[in-house]
Amino acid sequence: MSCGIVVDSSASIPEWIAAKYGITVVPVTIQRGTMTYKDGRDLTTEKFYELLEQDPPLKTSQPSPGDFIAVYKSLKSRVQSIISIHVTSKASGTCQAASLARDALPDMDIEVVDSGTTSMALGFIAIAAACAARLGKTKQEVLRVIEDAKKRVHVYVTLSTLSQLRRSGKIGAGQSLIGSLLSIKPILTMRDGMLEVCDRVRTYPKAIERLIELVTEACGTSTVRLAVVYSKTREEAQKLAEALQSRLRCSEVLTCDIGAALAVHGGPGMVGAAVMKEDDPERGETPGESCAK
């Protein structure tokens, strides 16, 4: 390929999908005290959830510039250019680390792209880019595909508990206590690169119902690629996938573990949906060729 596609592990892309599309995944670092682990490399899912319940709390750190340098160098002999697509820069320093690595390799053609999103919304953007690269598109053409895909993705996630958000430092103890007492279940989405609460409901079943409504509203009559993501709740995720598939025009449906990089903050019981529109019926647009079938 003329372009190599790189993402970080917050994209929630399963290994077999990354292999299928030739996407290189740079793992986010998981920290517990003085111990560090590479997401998806030296920390199994079982071990991760075991550590998640222990003290000190797990934290995440973006890949280091050195991690990116090693990956970029490994691709040097195989591609002409590298497009490195990452989790929103408004929530992580990953794009900055990738940019430092790019600047340290002036003899390589590397483009760092802020996806403005996370999880499989980022994953779908990377897949669209990899498909364009496989079809022989130039670097600039692949970048245009990425910008188009960024406008077509949506992601919604709900949590069964706020306790892990408190443990990871994302909300205060007071907010967690109030939310727990009222059984408040937030529904989160990405807006302008920021993770925002788009709704709050009183029970987990109601949160799932509302999430389905929000995804359905966002997709309209478009044909979409759907990924249902989860943390330790595969059965709930499968039910959600079936419910959404019955309401949406899906060209593909995936069910994916959300990954440690995001489960650190949401804990077990996270479930959500990422979609990418493949057409826009109101404007008569179709994003073009795809190797995703």
C-alpha atoms as a PDB file:
ATOM      1  CA  MET A   1       0.000   0.000   0.000  1.00  0.00           C
ATOM      2  CA  SER A   2       1.098   3.575  -0.559  1.00  0.00           C
ATOM      3  CA  CYS A   3      -0.238   4.523   2.908  1.00  0.00           C
ATOM      4  CA  GLY A   4       0.073   2.681   6.204  1.00  0.00           C
ATOM      5  CA  ILE A   5      -2.683   3.274   8.753  1.00  0.00           C
ATOM      6  CA  VAL A   6      -1.870   3.502  12.467  1.00  0.00           C
ATOM      7  CA  VAL A   7      -4.280   3.911  15.396  1.00  0.00           C
ATOM      8  CA  ASP A   8      -4.072   3.689  19.185  1.00  0.00           C
ATOM      9  CA  SER A   9      -5.854   0.980  21.149  1.00  0.00           C
ATOM     10  CA  SER A  10      -8.647   3.282  22.336  1.00  0.00           C
ATOM     11  CA  ALA A  11     -10.135   2.543  18.887  1.00  0.00           C
ATOM     12  CA  SER A  12     -11.452  -0.781  20.301  1.00  0.00           C
ATOM     13  CA  ILE A  13     -10.575  -2.547  17.027  1.00  0.00           C
ATOM     14  CA  PRO A  14     -10.479  -6.336  17.495  1.00  0.00           C
ATOM     15  CA  GLU A  15      -7.188  -7.975  16.472  1.00  0.00           C
ATOM     16  CA  TRP A  16      -8.734  -9.893  13.578  1.00  0.00           C
ATOM     17  CA  ILE A  17     -10.169  -6.699  12.084  1.00  0.00           C
ATOM     18  CA  ALA A  18      -6.851  -4.856  12.404  1.00  0.00           C
ATOM     19  CA  ALA A  19      -5.145  -7.803  10.681  1.00  0.00           C
ATOM     20  CA  LYS A  20      -7.800  -7.982   7.963  1.00  0.00           C
ATOM     21  CA  TYR A  21      -7.397  -4.331   6.991  1.00  0.00           C
ATOM     22  CA  GLY A  22      -3.660  -3.997   7.683  1.00  0.00           C
ATOM     23  CA  ILE A  23      -4.127  -1.493  10.506  1.00  0.00           C
ATOM     24  CA  THR A  24      -1.291  -1.138  13.032  1.00  0.00           C
ATOM     25  CA  VAL A  25      -2.459  -0.601  16.624  1.00  0.00           C
ATOM     26  CA  VAL A  26      -0.237   1.195  19.156  1.00  0.00           C
ATOM     27  CA  PRO A  27      -1.259   0.141  22.690  1.00  0.00           C
ATOM     28  CA  VAL A  28      -2.270   2.633  25.355  1.00  0.00           C
ATOM     29  CA  THR A  29      -0.350   2.210  28.619  1.00  0.00           C
ATOM     30  CA  ILE A  30      -2.254   0.978  31.686  1.00  0.00           C
ATOM     31  CA  GLN A  31      -0.667   1.961  34.998  1.00  0.00           C
ATOM     32  CA  ARG A  32      -1.123   0.578  38.514  1.00  0.00           C
ATOM     33  CA  GLY A  33       1.261   2.144  40.980  1.00  0.00           C
ATOM     34  CA  THR A  34       4.748   1.557  39.605  1.00  0.00           C
ATOM     35  CA  MET A  35       3.599  -1.245  37.296  1.00  0.00           C
ATOM     36  CA  THR A  36       2.818  -0.570  33.637  1.00  0.00           C
ATOM     37  CA  TYR A  37       1.050  -2.746  31.071  1.00  0.00           C
ATOM     38  CA  LYS A  38       0.451  -2.422  27.353  1.00  0.00           C
ATOM     39  CA  ASP A  39      -3.246  -2.581  26.484  1.00  0.00           C
ATOM     40  CA  GLY A  40      -3.957  -5.813  24.601  1.00  0.00           C
ATOM     41  CA  ARG A  41      -0.329  -6.942  24.711  1.00  0.00           C
ATOM     42  CA  ASP A  42       0.747  -7.990  28.207  1.00  0.00           C
ATOM     43  CA  LEU A  43      -2.538  -7.586  30.088  1.00  0.00           C
ATOM     44  CA  THR A  44      -5.262 -10.154  29.491  1.00  0.00           C
ATOM     45  CA  THR A  45      -8.927  -9.211  29.809  1.00  0.00           C
ATOM     46  CA  GLU A  46      -9.278 -11.435  32.890  1.00  0.00           C
ATOM     47  CA  LYS A  47      -6.228  -9.928  34.588  1.00  0.00           C
ATOM     48  CA  PHE A  48      -7.381  -6.398  33.738  1.00  0.00           C
ATOM     49  CA  TYR A  49     -10.756  -6.783  35.467  1.00  0.00           C
ATOM     50  CA  GLU A  50      -9.062  -8.414  38.444  1.00  0.00           C
ATOM     51  CA  LEU A  51      -6.725  -5.425  38.813  1.00  0.00           C
ATOM     52  CA  LEU A  52      -9.561  -2.959  38.203  1.00  0.00           C
ATOM     53  CA  GLU A  53     -11.124  -3.844  41.560  1.00  0.00           C
ATOM     54  CA  GLN A  54      -7.869  -3.489  43.503  1.00  0.00           C
ATOM     55  CA  ASP A  55      -5.981  -0.517  44.915  1.00  0.00           C
ATOM     56  CA  PRO A  56      -4.243   1.586  43.821  1.00  0.00           C
ATOM     57  CA  PRO A  57      -6.686   2.425  40.989  1.00  0.00           C
ATOM     58  CA  LEU A  58      -5.681   1.753  37.405  1.00  0.00           C
ATOM     59  CA  LYS A  59      -4.888   4.757  35.234  1.00  0.00           C
ATOM     60  CA  THR A  60      -4.114   5.235  31.563  1.00  0.00           C
ATOM     61  CA  SER A  61      -1.316   7.015  29.784  1.00  0.00           C
ATOM     62  CA  GLN A  62      -0.948   7.728  26.096  1.00  0.00           C
ATOM     63  CA  PRO A  63       1.688   5.769  24.166  1.00  0.00           C
ATOM     64  CA  SER A  64       5.088   7.421  24.414  1.00  0.00           C
ATOM     65  CA  PRO A  65       6.767   9.115  21.443  1.00  0.00           C
ATOM     66  CA  GLY A  66       9.213   6.203  21.559  1.00  0.00           C
ATOM     67  CA  ASP A  67       6.354   3.739  21.105  1.00  0.00           C
ATOM     68  CA  PHE A  68       5.252   5.603  17.992  1.00  0.00           C
ATOM     69  CA  ILE A  69       8.799   5.914  16.647  1.00  0.00           C
ATOM     70  CA  ALA A  70       9.227   2.140  16.882  1.00  0.00           C
ATOM     71  CA  VAL A  71       5.952   1.522  15.021  1.00  0.00           C
ATOM     72  CA  TYR A  72       6.662   4.106  12.323  1.00  0.00           C
ATOM     73  CA  LYS A  73      10.131   2.675  11.702  1.00  0.00           C
ATOM     74  CA  SER A  74       8.664  -0.838  11.425  1.00  0.00           C
ATOM     75  CA  LEU A  75       6.455   0.382   8.569  1.00  0.00           C
ATOM     76  CA  LYS A  76       9.122   2.388   6.752  1.00  0.00           C
ATOM     77  CA  SER A  77      10.133  -0.299   4.267  1.00  0.00           C
ATOM     78  CA  ARG A  78       6.550  -1.276   3.432  1.00  0.00           C
ATOM     79  CA  VAL A  79       4.724   2.007   2.791  1.00  0.00           C
ATOM     80  CA  GLN A  80       5.432   5.374   1.220  1.00  0.00           C
ATOM     81  CA  SER A  81       3.426   7.365   3.761  1.00  0.00           C
ATOM     82  CA  ILE A  82       1.932   6.814   7.212  1.00  0.00           C
ATOM     83  CA  ILE A  83      -1.374   8.236   8.404  1.00  0.00           C
ATOM     84  CA  SER A  84      -1.634   8.007  12.185  1.00  0.00           C
ATOM     85  CA  ILE A  85      -5.228   8.470  13.412  1.00  0.00           C
ATOM     86  CA  HIS A  86      -5.915   8.906  17.115  1.00  0.00           C
ATOM     87  CA  VAL A  87      -8.358   9.454  19.946  1.00  0.00           C
ATOM     88  CA  THR A  88      -9.657  13.011  20.338  1.00  0.00           C
ATOM     89  CA  SER A  89      -6.906  15.404  21.426  1.00  0.00           C
ATOM     90  CA  LYS A  90      -9.366  17.120  23.795  1.00  0.00           C
ATOM     91  CA  ALA A  91      -9.304  14.059  26.043  1.00  0.00           C
ATOM     92  CA  SER A  92      -5.817  12.612  25.523  1.00  0.00           C
ATOM     93  CA  GLY A  93      -2.234  13.538  24.718  1.00  0.00           C
ATOM     94  CA  THR A  94      -1.946  10.721  22.168  1.00  0.00           C
ATOM     95  CA  CYS A  95      -1.949  13.014  19.124  1.00  0.00           C
ATOM     96  CA  GLN A  96       0.773  15.111  20.737  1.00  0.00           C
ATOM     97  CA  ALA A  97       2.932  12.036  21.401  1.00  0.00           C
ATOM     98  CA  ALA A  98       2.445  10.880  17.808  1.00  0.00           C
ATOM     99  CA  SER A  99       3.369  14.359  16.546  1.00  0.00           C
ATOM    100  CA  LEU A 100       6.587  14.350  18.583  1.00  0.00           C
ATOM    101  CA  ALA A 101       7.462  10.984  17.029  1.00  0.00           C
ATOM    102  CA  ARG A 102       6.714  12.337  13.550  1.00  0.00           C
ATOM    103  CA  ASP A 103       8.991  15.341  14.157  1.00  0.00           C
ATOM    104  CA  ALA A 104      11.779  12.980  15.271  1.00  0.00           C
ATOM    105  CA  LEU A 105      11.621  11.184  11.905  1.00  0.00           C
ATOM    106  CA  PRO A 106      11.995  13.984   9.320  1.00  0.00           C
ATOM    107  CA  ASP A 107      12.969  11.523   6.585  1.00  0.00           C
ATOM    108  CA  MET A 108       9.556   9.814   6.774  1.00  0.00           C
ATOM    109  CA  ASP A 109       6.219  11.054   5.413  1.00  0.00           C
ATOM    110  CA  ILE A 110       3.912  10.883   8.442  1.00  0.00           C
ATOM    111  CA  GLU A 111       0.554  12.589   8.909  1.00  0.00           C
ATOM    112  CA  VAL A 112      -1.042  12.713  12.384  1.00  0.00           C
ATOM    113  CA  VAL A 113      -4.836  13.028  12.396  1.00  0.00           C
ATOM    114  CA  ASP A 114      -7.052  13.921  15.345  1.00  0.00           C
ATOM    115  CA  SER A 115     -10.183  11.787  14.899  1.00  0.00           C
ATOM    116  CA  GLY A 116     -12.214  13.896  17.327  1.00  0.00           C
ATOM    117  CA  THR A 117     -13.735  10.712  18.718  1.00  0.00           C
ATOM    118  CA  THR A 118     -12.952   7.347  20.303  1.00  0.00           C
ATOM    119  CA  SER A 119     -13.812   3.640  20.461  1.00  0.00           C
ATOM    120  CA  MET A 120     -15.175   2.052  17.283  1.00  0.00           C
ATOM    121  CA  ALA A 121     -16.160   5.450  15.886  1.00  0.00           C
ATOM    122  CA  LEU A 122     -12.398   5.926  15.597  1.00  0.00           C
ATOM    123  CA  GLY A 123     -12.162   2.308  14.491  1.00  0.00           C
ATOM    124  CA  PHE A 124     -14.554   2.875  11.587  1.00  0.00           C
ATOM    125  CA  ILE A 125     -12.592   5.957  10.483  1.00  0.00           C
ATOM    126  CA  ALA A 126      -9.403   3.870  10.461  1.00  0.00           C
ATOM    127  CA  ILE A 127     -11.086   1.066   8.517  1.00  0.00           C
ATOM    128  CA  ALA A 128     -12.339   3.553   5.905  1.00  0.00           C
ATOM    129  CA  ALA A 129      -8.793   4.912   5.572  1.00  0.00           C
ATOM    130  CA  ALA A 130      -7.291   1.424   5.290  1.00  0.00           C
ATOM    131  CA  CYS A 131      -9.813   0.477   2.606  1.00  0.00           C
ATOM    132  CA  ALA A 132      -8.951   3.587   0.598  1.00  0.00           C
ATOM    133  CA  ALA A 133      -5.241   2.798   0.925  1.00  0.00           C
ATOM    134  CA  ARG A 134      -5.799  -0.785  -0.250  1.00  0.00           C
ATOM    135  CA  LEU A 135      -7.620   0.528  -3.296  1.00  0.00           C
ATOM    136  CA  GLY A 136      -4.500   2.474  -4.255  1.00  0.00           C
ATOM    137  CA  LYS A 137      -5.667   5.931  -3.234  1.00  0.00           C
ATOM    138  CA  THR A 138      -3.005   8.596  -2.767  1.00  0.00           C
ATOM    139  CA  LYS A 139      -2.204  10.035   0.657  1.00  0.00           C
ATOM    140  CA  GLN A 140      -4.309  13.137  -0.030  1.00  0.00           C
ATOM    141  CA  GLU A 141      -7.212  11.010  -1.235  1.00  0.00           C
ATOM    142  CA  VAL A 142      -7.022   8.872   1.919  1.00  0.00           C
ATOM    143  CA  LEU A 143      -6.989  12.017   4.054  1.00  0.00           C
ATOM    144  CA  ARG A 144     -10.152  13.211   2.298  1.00  0.00           C
ATOM    145  CA  VAL A 145     -11.780   9.840   3.028  1.00  0.00           C
ATOM    146  CA  ILE A 146     -10.865  10.300   6.695  1.00  0.00           C
ATOM    147  CA  GLU A 147     -12.360  13.794   6.878  1.00  0.00           C
ATOM    148  CA  ASP A 148     -15.531  12.505   5.226  1.00  0.00           C
ATOM    149  CA  ALA A 149     -15.725   9.545   7.633  1.00  0.00           C
ATOM    150  CA  LYS A 150     -15.305  11.843  10.652  1.00  0.00           C
ATOM    151  CA  LYS A 151     -18.554  13.561   9.679  1.00  0.00           C
ATOM    152  CA  ARG A 152     -20.409  10.252   9.387  1.00  0.00           C
ATOM    153  CA  VAL A 153     -19.608   8.574  12.729  1.00  0.00           C
ATOM    154  CA  HIS A 154     -21.554   8.633  15.979  1.00  0.00           C
ATOM    155  CA  VAL A 155     -20.949   6.896  19.289  1.00  0.00           C
ATOM    156  CA  TYR A 156     -23.175   6.515  22.361  1.00  0.00           C
ATOM    157  CA  VAL A 157     -22.230   4.685  25.572  1.00  0.00           C
ATOM    158  CA  THR A 158     -23.968   4.081  28.886  1.00  0.00           C
ATOM    159  CA  LEU A 159     -22.614   2.840  32.224  1.00  0.00           C
ATOM    160  CA  SER A 160     -24.126   0.526  34.797  1.00  0.00           C
ATOM    161  CA  THR A 161     -22.330   2.312  37.650  1.00  0.00           C
ATOM    162  CA  LEU A 162     -20.455   5.560  38.285  1.00  0.00           C
ATOM    163  CA  SER A 163     -18.015   3.998  40.754  1.00  0.00           C
ATOM    164  CA  GLN A 164     -15.195   3.463  38.275  1.00  0.00           C
ATOM    165  CA  LEU A 165     -15.472   7.015  36.959  1.00  0.00           C
ATOM    166  CA  ARG A 166     -14.862   8.134  40.533  1.00  0.00           C
ATOM    167  CA  ARG A 167     -11.968   5.700  41.065  1.00  0.00           C
ATOM    168  CA  SER A 168     -10.297   6.851  37.853  1.00  0.00           C
ATOM    169  CA  GLY A 169     -10.686  10.487  38.909  1.00  0.00           C
ATOM    170  CA  LYS A 170     -13.077  11.467  36.112  1.00  0.00           C
ATOM    171  CA  ILE A 171     -15.804  12.607  38.549  1.00  0.00           C
ATOM    172  CA  GLY A 172     -15.739  13.566  42.233  1.00  0.00           C
ATOM    173  CA  ALA A 173     -16.918  11.435  45.138  1.00  0.00           C
ATOM    174  CA  GLY A 174     -19.912  13.715  45.682  1.00  0.00           C
ATOM    175  CA  GLN A 175     -21.125  13.338  42.107  1.00  0.00           C
ATOM    176  CA  SER A 176     -20.695   9.578  42.300  1.00  0.00           C
ATOM    177  CA  LEU A 177     -22.636   9.353  45.573  1.00  0.00           C
ATOM    178  CA  ILE A 178     -25.507  11.478  44.279  1.00  0.00           C
ATOM    179  CA  GLY A 179     -25.653   9.491  41.039  1.00  0.00           C
ATOM    180  CA  SER A 180     -25.647   6.187  42.923  1.00  0.00           C
ATOM    181  CA  LEU A 181     -28.347   7.265  45.368  1.00  0.00           C
ATOM    182  CA  LEU A 182     -30.591   8.392  42.533  1.00  0.00           C
ATOM    183  CA  SER A 183     -29.640   5.402  40.325  1.00  0.00           C
ATOM    184  CA  ILE A 184     -28.722   7.841  37.572  1.00  0.00           C
ATOM    185  CA  LYS A 185     -27.347   6.240  34.414  1.00  0.00           C
ATOM    186  CA  PRO A 186     -25.648   8.721  32.070  1.00  0.00           C
ATOM    187  CA  ILE A 187     -25.561   8.309  28.313  1.00  0.00           C
ATOM    188  CA  LEU A 188     -22.342   9.673  26.848  1.00  0.00           C
ATOM    189  CA  THR A 189     -21.513  10.828  23.335  1.00  0.00           C
ATOM    190  CA  MET A 190     -18.808  12.779  21.516  1.00  0.00           C
ATOM    191  CA  ARG A 191     -19.502  16.379  20.507  1.00  0.00           C
ATOM    192  CA  ASP A 192     -16.817  18.580  18.969  1.00  0.00           C
ATOM    193  CA  GLY A 193     -14.149  16.225  20.259  1.00  0.00           C
ATOM    194  CA  MET A 194     -15.437  16.284  23.835  1.00  0.00           C
ATOM    195  CA  LEU A 195     -17.085  13.461  25.760  1.00  0.00           C
ATOM    196  CA  GLU A 196     -20.445  14.803  26.944  1.00  0.00           C
ATOM    197  CA  VAL A 197     -23.464  13.557  28.838  1.00  0.00           C
ATOM    198  CA  CYS A 198     -26.310  13.752  26.333  1.00  0.00           C
ATOM    199  CA  ASP A 199     -28.992  12.301  28.632  1.00  0.00           C
ATOM    200  CA  ARG A 200     -29.581  10.851  32.094  1.00  0.00           C
ATOM    201  CA  VAL A 201     -32.120   8.221  33.048  1.00  0.00           C
ATOM    202  CA  ARG A 202     -32.950   6.448  36.317  1.00  0.00           C
ATOM    203  CA  THR A 203     -32.380   2.772  35.474  1.00  0.00           C
ATOM    204  CA  TYR A 204     -30.024   0.714  33.339  1.00  0.00           C
ATOM    205  CA  PRO A 205     -32.851  -0.806  31.203  1.00  0.00           C
ATOM    206  CA  LYS A 206     -34.150   2.708  30.516  1.00  0.00           C
ATOM    207  CA  ALA A 207     -30.636   3.794  29.588  1.00  0.00           C
ATOM    208  CA  ILE A 208     -30.439   1.012  27.007  1.00  0.00           C
ATOM    209  CA  GLU A 209     -33.842   2.027  25.596  1.00  0.00           C
ATOM    210  CA  ARG A 210     -32.757   5.653  25.361  1.00  0.00           C
ATOM    211  CA  LEU A 211     -29.423   4.707  23.768  1.00  0.00           C
ATOM    212  CA  ILE A 212     -31.320   2.769  21.074  1.00  0.00           C
ATOM    213  CA  GLU A 213     -33.498   5.824  20.428  1.00  0.00           C
ATOM    214  CA  LEU A 214     -30.493   8.140  20.134  1.00  0.00           C
ATOM    215  CA  VAL A 215     -28.647   5.850  17.721  1.00  0.00           C
ATOM    216  CA  THR A 216     -31.784   5.397  15.609  1.00  0.00           C
ATOM    217  CA  GLU A 217     -32.323   9.170  15.458  1.00  0.00           C
ATOM    218  CA  ALA A 218     -28.692   9.774  14.486  1.00  0.00           C
ATOM    219  CA  CYS A 219     -28.807   7.235  11.640  1.00  0.00           C
ATOM    220  CA  GLY A 220     -32.191   8.045  10.138  1.00  0.00           C
ATOM    221  CA  THR A 221     -32.688   6.042   6.951  1.00  0.00           C
ATOM    222  CA  SER A 222     -28.982   5.801   6.111  1.00  0.00           C
ATOM    223  CA  THR A 223     -27.256   2.480   5.583  1.00  0.00           C
ATOM    224  CA  VAL A 224     -24.746   2.109   8.402  1.00  0.00           C
ATOM    225  CA  ARG A 225     -21.932   0.003   9.723  1.00  0.00           C
ATOM    226  CA  LEU A 226     -22.672  -0.823  13.356  1.00  0.00           C
ATOM    227  CA  ALA A 227     -20.361  -1.837  16.187  1.00  0.00           C
ATOM    228  CA  VAL A 228     -21.728  -2.613  19.634  1.00  0.00           C
ATOM    229  CA  VAL A 229     -19.010  -2.273  22.271  1.00  0.00           C
ATOM    230  CA  TYR A 230     -19.028  -3.574  25.815  1.00  0.00           C
ATOM    231  CA  SER A 231     -16.981  -4.188  28.948  1.00  0.00           C
ATOM    232  CA  LYS A 232     -17.641  -7.583  30.521  1.00  0.00           C
ATOM    233  CA  THR A 233     -21.294  -7.583  29.385  1.00  0.00           C
ATOM    234  CA  ARG A 234     -21.208  -9.552  26.150  1.00  0.00           C
ATOM    235  CA  GLU A 235     -24.734 -10.937  26.590  1.00  0.00           C
ATOM    236  CA  GLU A 236     -26.161  -7.428  27.053  1.00  0.00           C
ATOM    237  CA  ALA A 237     -24.181  -6.256  24.031  1.00  0.00           C
ATOM    238  CA  GLN A 238     -25.591  -9.047  21.859  1.00  0.00           C
ATOM    239  CA  LYS A 239     -29.136  -8.076  22.882  1.00  0.00           C
ATOM    240  CA  LEU A 240     -28.387  -4.456  22.029  1.00  0.00           C
ATOM    241  CA  ALA A 241     -26.918  -5.461  18.663  1.00  0.00           C
ATOM    242  CA  GLU A 242     -30.080  -7.435  17.829  1.00  0.00           C
ATOM    243  CA  ALA A 243     -32.328  -4.539  18.868  1.00  0.00           C
ATOM    244  CA  LEU A 244     -30.387  -2.030  16.783  1.00  0.00           C
ATOM    245  CA  GLN A 245     -30.130  -4.352  13.801  1.00  0.00           C
ATOM    246  CA  SER A 246     -33.929  -4.630  13.758  1.00  0.00           C
ATOM    247  CA  ARG A 247     -34.253  -0.823  13.552  1.00  0.00           C
ATOM    248  CA  LEU A 248     -31.332   0.196  11.355  1.00  0.00           C
ATOM    249  CA  ARG A 249     -30.256  -0.515   7.794  1.00  0.00           C
ATOM    250  CA  CYS A 250     -26.991  -2.286   8.627  1.00  0.00           C
ATOM    251  CA  SER A 251     -24.432  -3.380   6.056  1.00  0.00           C
ATOM    252  CA  GLU A 252     -22.294  -4.878   8.825  1.00  0.00           C
ATOM    253  CA  VAL A 253     -22.744  -5.585  12.532  1.00  0.00           C
ATOM    254  CA  LEU A 254     -19.809  -6.111  14.911  1.00  0.00           C
ATOM    255  CA  THR A 255     -19.743  -6.861  18.638  1.00  0.00           C
ATOM    256  CA  CYS A 256     -16.459  -5.794  20.245  1.00  0.00           C
ATOM    257  CA  ASP A 257     -14.876  -5.636  23.681  1.00  0.00           C
ATOM    258  CA  ILE A 258     -14.358  -1.928  24.316  1.00  0.00           C
ATOM    259  CA  GLY A 259     -10.818  -2.553  25.556  1.00  0.00           C
ATOM    260  CA  ALA A 260      -8.895  -1.696  28.706  1.00  0.00           C
ATOM    261  CA  ALA A 261      -7.994   1.829  27.548  1.00  0.00           C
ATOM    262  CA  LEU A 262     -11.642   2.872  27.930  1.00  0.00           C
ATOM    263  CA  ALA A 263     -12.899   0.320  30.480  1.00  0.00           C
ATOM    264  CA  VAL A 264     -10.423   1.783  32.998  1.00  0.00           C
ATOM    265  CA  HIS A 265     -12.729   4.808  33.206  1.00  0.00           C
ATOM    266  CA  GLY A 266     -16.159   3.239  32.703  1.00  0.00           C
ATOM    267  CA  GLY A 267     -15.634  -0.059  34.477  1.00  0.00           C
ATOM    268  CA  PRO A 268     -17.551  -3.297  33.863  1.00  0.00           C
ATOM    269  CA  GLY A 269     -21.062  -2.852  32.579  1.00  0.00           C
ATOM    270  CA  MET A 270     -20.288  -0.304  29.866  1.00  0.00           C
ATOM    271  CA  VAL A 271     -22.219  -0.897  26.677  1.00  0.00           C
ATOM    272  CA  GLY A 272     -22.567   1.309  23.655  1.00  0.00           C
ATOM    273  CA  ALA A 273     -22.879   1.628  19.908  1.00  0.00           C
ATOM    274  CA  ALA A 274     -20.728   3.225  17.254  1.00  0.00           C
ATOM    275  CA  VAL A 275     -22.103   3.742  13.760  1.00  0.00           C
ATOM    276  CA  MET A 276     -20.776   5.089  10.488  1.00  0.00           C
ATOM    277  CA  LYS A 277     -23.214   6.185   7.830  1.00  0.00           C
ATOM    278  CA  GLU A 278     -22.447   4.743   4.416  1.00  0.00           C
ATOM    279  CA  ASP A 279     -24.784   7.098   2.601  1.00  0.00           C
ATOM    280  CA  ASP A 280     -26.816  10.262   3.132  1.00  0.00           C
ATOM    281  CA  PRO A 281     -30.274   9.761   1.586  1.00  0.00           C
ATOM    282  CA  GLU A 282     -31.285  13.408   2.075  1.00  0.00           C
ATOM    283  CA  ARG A 283     -28.297  14.701   0.098  1.00  0.00           C
ATOM    284  CA  GLY A 284     -27.942  11.735  -2.222  1.00  0.00           C
ATOM    285  CA  GLU A 285     -24.362  11.138  -1.139  1.00  0.00           C
ATOM    286  CA  THR A 286     -22.400   7.901  -1.028  1.00  0.00           C
ATOM    287  CA  PRO A 287     -18.822   8.005   0.282  1.00  0.00           C
ATOM    288  CA  GLY A 288     -17.468   5.882  -2.546  1.00  0.00           C
ATOM    289  CA  GLU A 289     -15.744   2.574  -3.043  1.00  0.00           C
ATOM    290  CA  SER A 290     -15.164   0.272  -0.093  1.00  0.00           C
ATOM    291  CA  CYS A 291     -13.115  -2.860   0.481  1.00  0.00           C
ATOM    292  CA  ALA A 292     -15.004  -3.550   3.705  1.00  0.00           C
ATOM    293  CA  LYS A 293     -17.371  -6.134   2.322  1.00  0.00           C
END
